[in-house]
Amino acid sequence: MHKEKRRREKHTPKELSAVALSHLDHAAEIACYYGFSPIKTPTIEKGDSTKARQIIESDAHNRNYALTDEKDFRIKAEEKIALLRICEEQKLLTGTQPAMLYYEGTPRRSDQKKSASGAYKRINLEIIGTSKSIAEAELIKVAFEILRESGFDDLYVDINSVGDKDSLAHFTREVHQFYRKQLSELPAHCRQEIKKDLFSAIECENKQCREATEHAPKSIASLTEPSRAHFKEVLEYLESMGIPYKIDNHVLGNRNVCCHTVFLIKTLHAGSEETPEETLGLGFRYSGLAKKLDLKRDVPAVGLSIIFKQGKTVHKKFHAPKKAHAYLIQFGFDAKRKSLEIIELLRRAKVSVQQSLTKDKLTSQIATAENLGIPFVLIMGQKEAMEGSAIVRNMSTRMQETVRIELLADYLKKISKR
């Protein structure tokens, strides 16, 4: 009976999407327009928890990045381990495209009862299989649109980078040397914490700790050149999308799980004098985690969870995007940045497009569009990005026309009816 139950729980990638559709709402619809596929909430198996305990040196310091106790924004290795296991089982990591996954709720153990949804809704976005900085940008963009349409405003990002393995090793040495001299200035309980987790004092909200660590090393100062370039690109994406951000050197994540970018999504004016701001999201890269598991290889991955109070706006039903008649092709960094603006403009007009934003080469993107049998492609290079336009090409006749970005939605609706 137990084996039969486990067999029923396994799904193909297509089935993984289908099983969740009846429970989805407008948030999932937004994610689908950006290329995310809905899946069931992952189940944490006993082996996932065992591996998490082996990887995490100590759970004594596991900061909750929420500003109140009502929400849980702690980094939980077992959730990512379960997700990577499922991706491997379902062969979601074997294609040329990264797996872009959407699920709702909190992953739980198979023997753990599902708790009532309560006042808060949790949404999770994962991009697995690419190290490109566009992945962070896409996660943040989708989260912002979901939160805005859920009634939140004054949104901004607190962001930091701990870099790759070499960056983190250098930063760890710098922090260790610094606290050897500063340890006596820390409160007694913080001295005990720092013995278990070196980064705990930097992230500690205690006033004494903050004063003592004012001149502590910053992780971004230890970044290798590739890590620095990656972080710079993420920030450039945020600037191009008009998303406010500030670099927060106290946001470090868990050094056994996180790498490169760690970020929080917050809102001002949360409605309380005690909490003038509110944390709505936590995201981080965990590209080194897979190699610590049985996968025995690096699987670049980045994820984001947002938690917000339900009922802030009128509940909107899920309407699956219509079949895409166009494929968005971009080449050049400026064009890649502009692509997210195009996807959002088309989404608001209910026009669906397929894309491979993590790909850089024109030929590979055209080949993908041809293999999918999509009748039209939108081509944007550096020139088009600067001019605010895109080339619309008919894949059958090879005829093409240059169209202003603001006119694209109406143009695509018109030619798709022919």
Protein backbone atom coordinates (compact mmCIF):
# COMPACT_ATOMS: atom_id res chain seq x y z
CA MET A 1 0.00 0.00 0.00
CA HIS A 2 2.83 2.38 0.91
CA LYS A 3 4.56 1.69 -2.43
CA GLU A 4 1.31 2.29 -4.30
CA LYS A 5 0.88 5.64 -2.57
CA ARG A 6 4.43 6.71 -3.51
CA ARG A 7 3.82 5.59 -7.09
CA ARG A 8 0.67 7.69 -7.32
CA GLU A 9 2.50 10.77 -6.03
CA LYS A 10 4.96 10.76 -8.95
CA HIS A 11 3.99 12.88 -11.94
CA THR A 12 5.45 13.75 -15.30
CA PRO A 13 6.34 17.45 -15.79
CA LYS A 14 3.07 17.92 -17.71
CA GLU A 15 1.06 16.32 -14.90
CA LEU A 16 2.93 18.37 -12.31
CA SER A 17 1.44 21.47 -13.90
CA ALA A 18 -2.04 20.08 -14.38
CA VAL A 19 -2.65 18.85 -10.84
CA ALA A 20 -2.34 22.32 -9.34
CA LEU A 21 -4.47 24.43 -11.70
CA SER A 22 -7.78 24.10 -9.85
CA HIS A 23 -6.31 25.74 -6.73
CA LEU A 24 -4.62 28.70 -8.40
CA ASP A 25 -5.51 32.37 -8.57
CA HIS A 26 -4.34 35.54 -10.31
CA ALA A 27 -0.84 35.36 -8.80
CA ALA A 28 -0.19 32.11 -10.66
CA GLU A 29 -1.55 33.66 -13.84
CA ILE A 30 1.02 36.46 -13.63
CA ALA A 31 3.82 33.92 -13.15
CA CYS A 32 2.61 31.83 -16.10
CA TYR A 33 2.92 34.81 -18.46
CA TYR A 34 6.60 34.98 -17.51
CA GLY A 35 7.11 31.29 -18.26
CA PHE A 36 6.64 29.64 -14.85
CA SER A 37 4.90 26.27 -14.57
CA PRO A 38 2.69 25.53 -11.53
CA ILE A 39 3.55 22.38 -9.55
CA LYS A 40 2.28 20.73 -6.39
CA THR A 41 3.85 21.86 -3.14
CA PRO A 42 6.95 19.63 -2.66
CA THR A 43 6.81 17.02 0.08
CA ILE A 44 9.85 16.80 2.33
CA GLU A 45 10.94 13.20 2.75
CA LYS A 46 12.90 11.82 5.68
CA GLY A 47 16.05 11.66 3.57
CA ASP A 48 15.73 15.35 2.71
CA SER A 49 15.68 16.30 6.39
CA THR A 50 18.65 14.02 7.11
CA LYS A 51 20.72 15.61 4.36
CA ALA A 52 19.75 19.09 5.55
CA ARG A 53 21.04 18.31 9.05
CA GLN A 54 24.31 17.03 7.56
CA ILE A 55 24.80 20.20 5.51
CA ILE A 56 23.81 22.75 8.13
CA GLU A 57 26.55 22.91 10.76
CA SER A 58 24.28 24.46 13.38
CA ASP A 59 20.70 25.66 13.51
CA ALA A 60 21.41 27.80 16.56
CA HIS A 61 21.50 30.89 14.33
CA ASN A 62 18.74 30.76 11.75
CA ARG A 63 17.57 34.31 11.40
CA ASN A 64 13.95 35.02 10.65
CA TYR A 65 14.09 37.89 8.18
CA ALA A 66 10.48 38.80 8.92
CA LEU A 67 10.04 41.89 11.07
CA THR A 68 7.27 40.24 13.11
CA ASP A 69 6.73 36.71 14.43
CA GLU A 70 3.61 36.25 12.29
CA LYS A 71 5.65 35.21 9.24
CA ASP A 72 8.50 32.74 8.85
CA PHE A 73 11.31 33.92 6.58
CA ARG A 74 14.02 31.53 7.71
CA ILE A 75 16.27 29.70 5.27
CA LYS A 76 15.28 26.03 5.30
CA ALA A 77 17.69 23.76 3.48
CA GLU A 78 15.28 20.81 3.47
CA GLU A 79 12.82 22.72 1.26
CA LYS A 80 15.44 23.30 -1.45
CA ILE A 81 16.77 19.75 -1.11
CA ALA A 82 13.26 18.33 -1.62
CA LEU A 83 12.77 20.54 -4.68
CA LEU A 84 16.09 19.52 -6.24
CA ARG A 85 15.27 15.85 -5.60
CA ILE A 86 11.89 16.21 -7.33
CA CYS A 87 13.49 17.98 -10.31
CA GLU A 88 15.99 15.14 -10.64
CA GLU A 89 13.29 12.45 -10.33
CA GLN A 90 11.07 14.12 -12.90
CA LYS A 91 13.98 14.79 -15.29
CA LEU A 92 13.27 18.53 -15.26
CA LEU A 93 16.97 19.42 -15.42
CA THR A 94 17.88 17.57 -18.62
CA GLY A 95 16.68 20.12 -21.20
CA THR A 96 18.36 23.22 -22.57
CA GLN A 97 15.87 25.45 -20.75
CA PRO A 98 15.95 26.03 -16.98
CA ALA A 99 13.05 24.73 -14.92
CA MET A 100 10.84 27.69 -13.93
CA LEU A 101 8.51 26.51 -11.18
CA TYR A 102 5.65 28.07 -9.20
CA TYR A 103 4.02 26.56 -6.15
CA GLU A 104 1.96 27.75 -3.23
CA GLY A 105 2.18 26.92 0.46
CA THR A 106 4.94 25.57 2.70
CA PRO A 107 6.66 22.24 1.92
CA ARG A 108 6.01 19.73 4.72
CA ARG A 109 7.05 16.24 5.68
CA SER A 110 4.81 13.42 4.48
CA ASP A 111 3.85 12.61 8.09
CA GLN A 112 3.17 16.24 8.96
CA LYS A 113 -0.41 17.48 8.96
CA LYS A 114 -1.21 20.36 6.68
CA SER A 115 -2.01 23.44 8.74
CA ALA A 116 -4.85 25.81 7.98
CA SER A 117 -3.95 28.48 5.43
CA GLY A 118 -4.79 31.24 7.91
CA ALA A 119 -4.52 34.89 7.07
CA TYR A 120 -1.28 34.60 5.10
CA LYS A 121 -0.56 33.29 1.61
CA ARG A 122 2.86 31.92 0.62
CA ILE A 123 3.98 31.89 -3.00
CA ASN A 124 7.24 30.33 -4.19
CA LEU A 125 9.10 30.99 -7.44
CA GLU A 126 12.12 28.90 -8.47
CA ILE A 127 14.45 29.04 -11.48
CA ILE A 128 16.71 25.98 -11.60
CA GLY A 129 19.33 25.34 -14.25
CA THR A 130 20.85 28.75 -15.02
CA SER A 131 23.52 30.90 -13.42
CA LYS A 132 22.54 34.00 -15.42
CA SER A 133 21.72 37.17 -13.49
CA ILE A 134 18.48 37.58 -15.49
CA ALA A 135 17.04 34.83 -13.25
CA GLU A 136 17.19 37.02 -10.13
CA ALA A 137 15.74 39.93 -12.10
CA GLU A 138 12.84 37.84 -13.38
CA LEU A 139 12.01 36.51 -9.90
CA ILE A 140 11.96 40.01 -8.41
CA LYS A 141 9.94 41.41 -11.34
CA VAL A 142 7.26 38.71 -11.06
CA ALA A 143 7.09 39.07 -7.26
CA PHE A 144 6.68 42.85 -7.57
CA GLU A 145 3.81 42.47 -10.06
CA ILE A 146 2.07 39.89 -7.85
CA LEU A 147 2.41 42.11 -4.77
CA ARG A 148 1.33 45.26 -6.60
CA GLU A 149 -1.80 43.57 -7.91
CA SER A 150 -2.42 42.25 -4.39
CA GLY A 151 -2.63 45.84 -3.13
CA PHE A 152 0.93 46.55 -1.92
CA ASP A 153 2.86 49.66 -2.82
CA ASP A 154 6.08 51.42 -1.77
CA LEU A 155 7.96 48.21 -2.52
CA TYR A 156 11.75 48.02 -2.47
CA VAL A 157 14.57 45.47 -2.27
CA ASP A 158 17.27 45.00 0.38
CA ILE A 159 20.02 43.12 -1.43
CA ASN A 160 23.51 41.76 -0.86
CA SER A 161 25.94 39.27 -2.36
CA VAL A 162 28.16 36.72 -0.64
CA GLY A 163 29.61 35.62 -3.99
CA ASP A 164 30.95 32.26 -5.06
CA LYS A 165 32.88 29.69 -3.01
CA ASP A 166 36.16 31.64 -3.18
CA SER A 167 34.43 34.92 -2.27
CA LEU A 168 32.74 33.34 0.72
CA ALA A 169 35.96 31.70 1.93
CA HIS A 170 37.81 35.03 1.81
CA PHE A 171 34.95 36.85 3.55
CA THR A 172 34.79 34.19 6.27
CA ARG A 173 38.50 34.63 7.02
CA GLU A 174 38.08 38.42 7.20
CA VAL A 175 35.13 38.13 9.59
CA HIS A 176 36.99 35.64 11.80
CA GLN A 177 39.97 37.97 12.14
CA PHE A 178 37.73 40.95 12.88
CA TYR A 179 35.80 39.24 15.69
CA ARG A 180 38.92 37.92 17.36
CA LYS A 181 39.54 41.56 18.28
CA GLN A 182 35.91 42.57 18.87
CA LEU A 183 34.61 39.56 20.80
CA SER A 184 34.87 41.20 24.25
CA GLU A 185 32.60 44.06 23.11
CA LEU A 186 29.69 41.74 22.27
CA PRO A 187 26.96 40.72 24.75
CA ALA A 188 27.47 37.33 26.43
CA HIS A 189 24.75 35.53 24.47
CA CYS A 190 26.13 36.87 21.18
CA ARG A 191 29.60 35.62 22.07
CA GLN A 192 28.11 32.15 22.44
CA GLU A 193 26.20 32.47 19.15
CA ILE A 194 29.26 33.54 17.19
CA LYS A 195 31.09 30.38 18.26
CA LYS A 196 28.35 28.38 16.52
CA ASP A 197 27.82 30.68 13.52
CA LEU A 198 30.41 33.27 12.54
CA PHE A 199 27.91 35.48 10.72
CA SER A 200 25.40 35.68 13.58
CA ALA A 201 26.84 38.89 15.07
CA ILE A 202 26.73 40.72 11.72
CA GLU A 203 23.05 39.86 11.28
CA CYS A 204 22.16 40.37 14.95
CA GLU A 205 19.67 43.19 15.61
CA ASN A 206 21.05 43.79 19.13
CA LYS A 207 22.18 47.42 19.52
CA GLN A 208 25.55 46.45 21.02
CA CYS A 209 26.22 44.05 18.18
CA ARG A 210 25.31 46.66 15.59
CA GLU A 211 27.66 49.19 17.17
CA ALA A 212 30.48 46.65 17.51
CA THR A 213 30.10 45.50 13.90
CA GLU A 214 29.81 48.96 12.35
CA HIS A 215 33.28 48.51 10.86
CA ALA A 216 32.99 44.76 10.26
CA PRO A 217 34.09 43.40 6.84
CA LYS A 218 31.49 43.58 4.08
CA SER A 219 30.85 40.57 1.88
CA ILE A 220 30.82 42.61 -1.33
CA ALA A 221 34.42 43.68 -0.64
CA SER A 222 35.47 40.00 -0.88
CA LEU A 223 33.77 39.25 -4.19
CA THR A 224 35.81 37.67 -6.97
CA GLU A 225 35.60 39.35 -10.38
CA PRO A 226 32.97 36.91 -11.75
CA SER A 227 30.88 37.34 -8.59
CA ARG A 228 31.23 41.12 -8.75
CA ALA A 229 30.12 41.11 -12.40
CA HIS A 230 27.10 38.93 -11.56
CA PHE A 231 26.00 41.23 -8.73
CA LYS A 232 26.54 44.33 -10.89
CA GLU A 233 24.26 42.87 -13.58
CA VAL A 234 21.51 42.11 -11.04
CA LEU A 235 21.62 45.71 -9.81
CA GLU A 236 21.54 47.03 -13.39
CA TYR A 237 18.42 44.96 -14.06
CA LEU A 238 16.74 46.45 -10.99
CA GLU A 239 17.66 49.96 -12.09
CA SER A 240 16.39 49.40 -15.62
CA MET A 241 13.05 48.12 -14.23
CA GLY A 242 12.75 51.12 -11.90
CA ILE A 243 12.81 48.90 -8.81
CA PRO A 244 14.18 50.74 -5.74
CA TYR A 245 16.89 48.89 -3.83
CA LYS A 246 19.59 49.37 -1.23
CA ILE A 247 22.61 47.21 -0.48
CA ASP A 248 22.20 45.73 3.00
CA ASN A 249 25.47 44.31 4.32
CA HIS A 250 23.63 42.59 7.19
CA VAL A 251 21.71 40.24 4.86
CA LEU A 252 24.01 37.23 4.49
CA GLY A 253 21.80 34.15 4.42
CA ASN A 254 23.19 30.78 5.51
CA ARG A 255 26.75 30.19 4.29
CA ASN A 256 26.11 26.43 3.98
CA VAL A 257 23.19 26.99 1.61
CA CYS A 258 23.40 30.44 0.00
CA CYS A 259 25.75 31.85 -2.60
CA HIS A 260 25.85 35.00 -4.68
CA THR A 261 22.66 37.03 -4.29
CA VAL A 262 20.58 37.22 -1.10
CA PHE A 263 17.68 39.68 -1.04
CA LEU A 264 14.53 40.77 0.78
CA ILE A 265 11.43 42.42 -0.67
CA LYS A 266 9.90 44.96 1.68
CA THR A 267 7.14 47.54 1.76
CA LEU A 268 7.00 50.85 3.63
CA HIS A 269 3.94 52.09 5.48
CA ALA A 270 2.93 48.65 6.72
CA GLY A 271 0.18 50.22 8.80
CA SER A 272 1.74 50.11 12.25
CA GLU A 273 3.89 52.62 14.11
CA GLU A 274 5.86 49.77 15.67
CA THR A 275 6.55 48.20 12.25
CA PRO A 276 6.74 51.03 9.69
CA GLU A 277 8.02 48.53 7.12
CA GLU A 278 7.17 44.90 6.43
CA THR A 279 9.16 42.05 4.88
CA LEU A 280 7.19 40.41 2.09
CA GLY A 281 9.80 38.22 0.40
CA LEU A 282 13.08 36.36 0.82
CA GLY A 283 15.20 35.16 -2.09
CA PHE A 284 18.65 33.67 -2.52
CA ARG A 285 20.85 31.61 -4.81
CA TYR A 286 21.68 28.07 -3.72
CA SER A 287 23.78 26.88 -6.67
CA GLY A 288 26.26 24.91 -4.56
CA LEU A 289 23.64 22.87 -2.73
CA ALA A 290 23.12 20.14 -5.35
CA LYS A 291 26.78 19.11 -5.32
CA LYS A 292 26.52 18.46 -1.58
CA LEU A 293 23.72 16.00 -2.30
CA ASP A 294 23.68 12.83 -4.38
CA LEU A 295 23.49 14.84 -7.62
CA LYS A 296 27.32 15.17 -7.54
CA ARG A 297 27.29 18.21 -9.77
CA ASP A 298 26.55 21.90 -9.49
CA VAL A 299 23.00 22.88 -10.41
CA PRO A 300 22.67 26.66 -10.55
CA ALA A 301 19.45 27.69 -8.83
CA VAL A 302 17.73 30.71 -7.32
CA GLY A 303 14.42 30.90 -5.46
CA LEU A 304 12.11 33.43 -3.88
CA SER A 305 9.25 33.08 -1.39
CA ILE A 306 6.73 35.84 -0.74
CA ILE A 307 4.30 35.80 2.18
CA PHE A 308 1.51 38.33 2.47
CA LYS A 309 -1.84 38.75 4.12
CA GLN A 310 -4.77 37.46 2.09
CA GLY A 311 -7.89 39.50 1.55
CA LYS A 312 -6.07 42.76 0.90
CA THR A 313 -7.77 42.96 -2.49
CA VAL A 314 -10.68 41.19 -4.19
CA HIS A 315 -9.74 37.60 -5.05
CA LYS A 316 -9.16 37.15 -8.79
CA LYS A 317 -9.56 33.80 -10.48
CA PHE A 318 -6.85 32.06 -12.48
CA HIS A 319 -7.17 32.34 -16.25
CA ALA A 320 -4.56 30.35 -18.12
CA PRO A 321 -2.70 32.40 -20.75
CA LYS A 322 -3.75 31.65 -24.31
CA LYS A 323 -1.42 29.71 -26.57
CA ALA A 324 1.56 31.84 -27.55
CA HIS A 325 1.74 32.89 -31.21
CA ALA A 326 5.06 34.69 -30.79
CA TYR A 327 8.52 33.92 -29.43
CA LEU A 328 10.62 36.70 -27.93
CA ILE A 329 14.27 36.66 -29.07
CA GLN A 330 16.84 39.00 -27.54
CA PHE A 331 20.57 39.45 -27.93
CA GLY A 332 22.75 41.92 -26.08
CA PHE A 333 22.49 43.01 -22.46
CA ASP A 334 20.33 46.09 -23.17
CA ALA A 335 17.87 43.97 -25.14
CA LYS A 336 17.72 41.40 -22.36
CA ARG A 337 16.89 44.15 -19.86
CA LYS A 338 14.17 45.52 -22.16
CA SER A 339 12.63 42.06 -22.59
CA LEU A 340 11.12 42.06 -19.10
CA GLU A 341 9.36 45.34 -19.93
CA ILE A 342 7.95 43.79 -23.12
CA ILE A 343 6.68 40.67 -21.32
CA GLU A 344 4.91 42.82 -18.72
CA LEU A 345 3.37 45.10 -21.35
CA LEU A 346 2.05 42.08 -23.25
CA ARG A 347 0.84 40.38 -20.05
CA ARG A 348 -1.32 43.35 -19.17
CA ALA A 349 -2.84 43.10 -22.64
CA LYS A 350 -3.37 39.31 -22.15
CA VAL A 351 -0.91 38.47 -24.94
CA SER A 352 1.26 35.45 -24.23
CA VAL A 353 4.79 35.01 -25.63
CA GLN A 354 7.38 32.32 -25.15
CA GLN A 355 10.98 33.23 -24.43
CA SER A 356 14.45 32.02 -23.43
CA LEU A 357 15.83 35.00 -21.54
CA THR A 358 18.70 32.91 -20.19
CA LYS A 359 19.98 32.26 -23.73
CA ASP A 360 22.29 34.74 -25.42
CA LYS A 361 22.82 33.47 -28.97
CA LEU A 362 20.41 34.50 -31.72
CA THR A 363 20.73 31.22 -33.65
CA SER A 364 19.84 29.00 -30.69
CA GLN A 365 16.77 31.09 -29.89
CA ILE A 366 15.55 31.01 -33.51
CA ALA A 367 16.09 27.24 -33.56
CA THR A 368 13.99 26.87 -30.41
CA ALA A 369 11.18 28.94 -31.95
CA GLU A 370 11.27 26.80 -35.10
CA ASN A 371 11.18 23.56 -33.10
CA LEU A 372 8.14 24.80 -31.19
CA GLY A 373 6.38 25.70 -34.45
CA ILE A 374 5.59 29.24 -33.29
CA PRO A 375 4.45 31.38 -36.27
CA PHE A 376 6.02 34.71 -35.28
CA VAL A 377 9.18 35.85 -33.52
CA LEU A 378 9.91 39.18 -31.87
CA ILE A 379 13.56 40.10 -32.33
CA MET A 380 15.26 42.72 -30.19
CA GLY A 381 18.95 43.61 -30.43
CA GLN A 382 20.91 46.55 -29.10
CA LYS A 383 19.61 48.87 -31.85
CA GLU A 384 15.96 47.99 -31.20
CA ALA A 385 16.44 48.30 -27.44
CA MET A 386 17.77 51.84 -27.85
CA GLU A 387 14.96 52.78 -30.27
CA GLY A 388 12.21 51.18 -28.18
CA SER A 389 11.08 48.82 -30.93
CA ALA A 390 11.12 45.15 -31.95
CA ILE A 391 11.25 43.31 -35.26
CA VAL A 392 8.23 41.05 -35.84
CA ARG A 393 9.10 38.26 -38.27
CA ASN A 394 6.71 35.79 -39.90
CA MET A 395 8.47 32.44 -39.64
CA SER A 396 6.71 31.06 -42.74
CA THR A 397 7.20 33.93 -45.19
CA ARG A 398 10.31 35.44 -43.51
CA MET A 399 8.70 38.86 -43.99
CA GLN A 400 9.27 41.22 -41.09
CA GLU A 401 8.25 44.61 -39.78
CA THR A 402 9.62 46.92 -37.10
CA VAL A 403 7.01 47.81 -34.47
CA ARG A 404 7.19 50.24 -31.55
CA ILE A 405 7.07 48.49 -28.16
CA GLU A 406 3.94 50.33 -27.05
CA LEU A 407 2.14 49.10 -30.20
CA LEU A 408 3.27 45.46 -29.96
CA ALA A 409 0.24 44.10 -28.10
CA ASP A 410 -2.30 45.42 -30.61
CA TYR A 411 -0.09 44.38 -33.53
CA LEU A 412 0.28 40.80 -32.26
CA LYS A 413 -3.46 40.51 -31.58
CA LYS A 414 -4.13 41.65 -35.13
CA ILE A 415 -1.74 39.29 -36.94
CA SER A 416 -2.65 36.27 -34.78
CA LYS A 417 -6.23 36.47 -36.11
CA ARG A 418 -5.15 36.18 -39.76
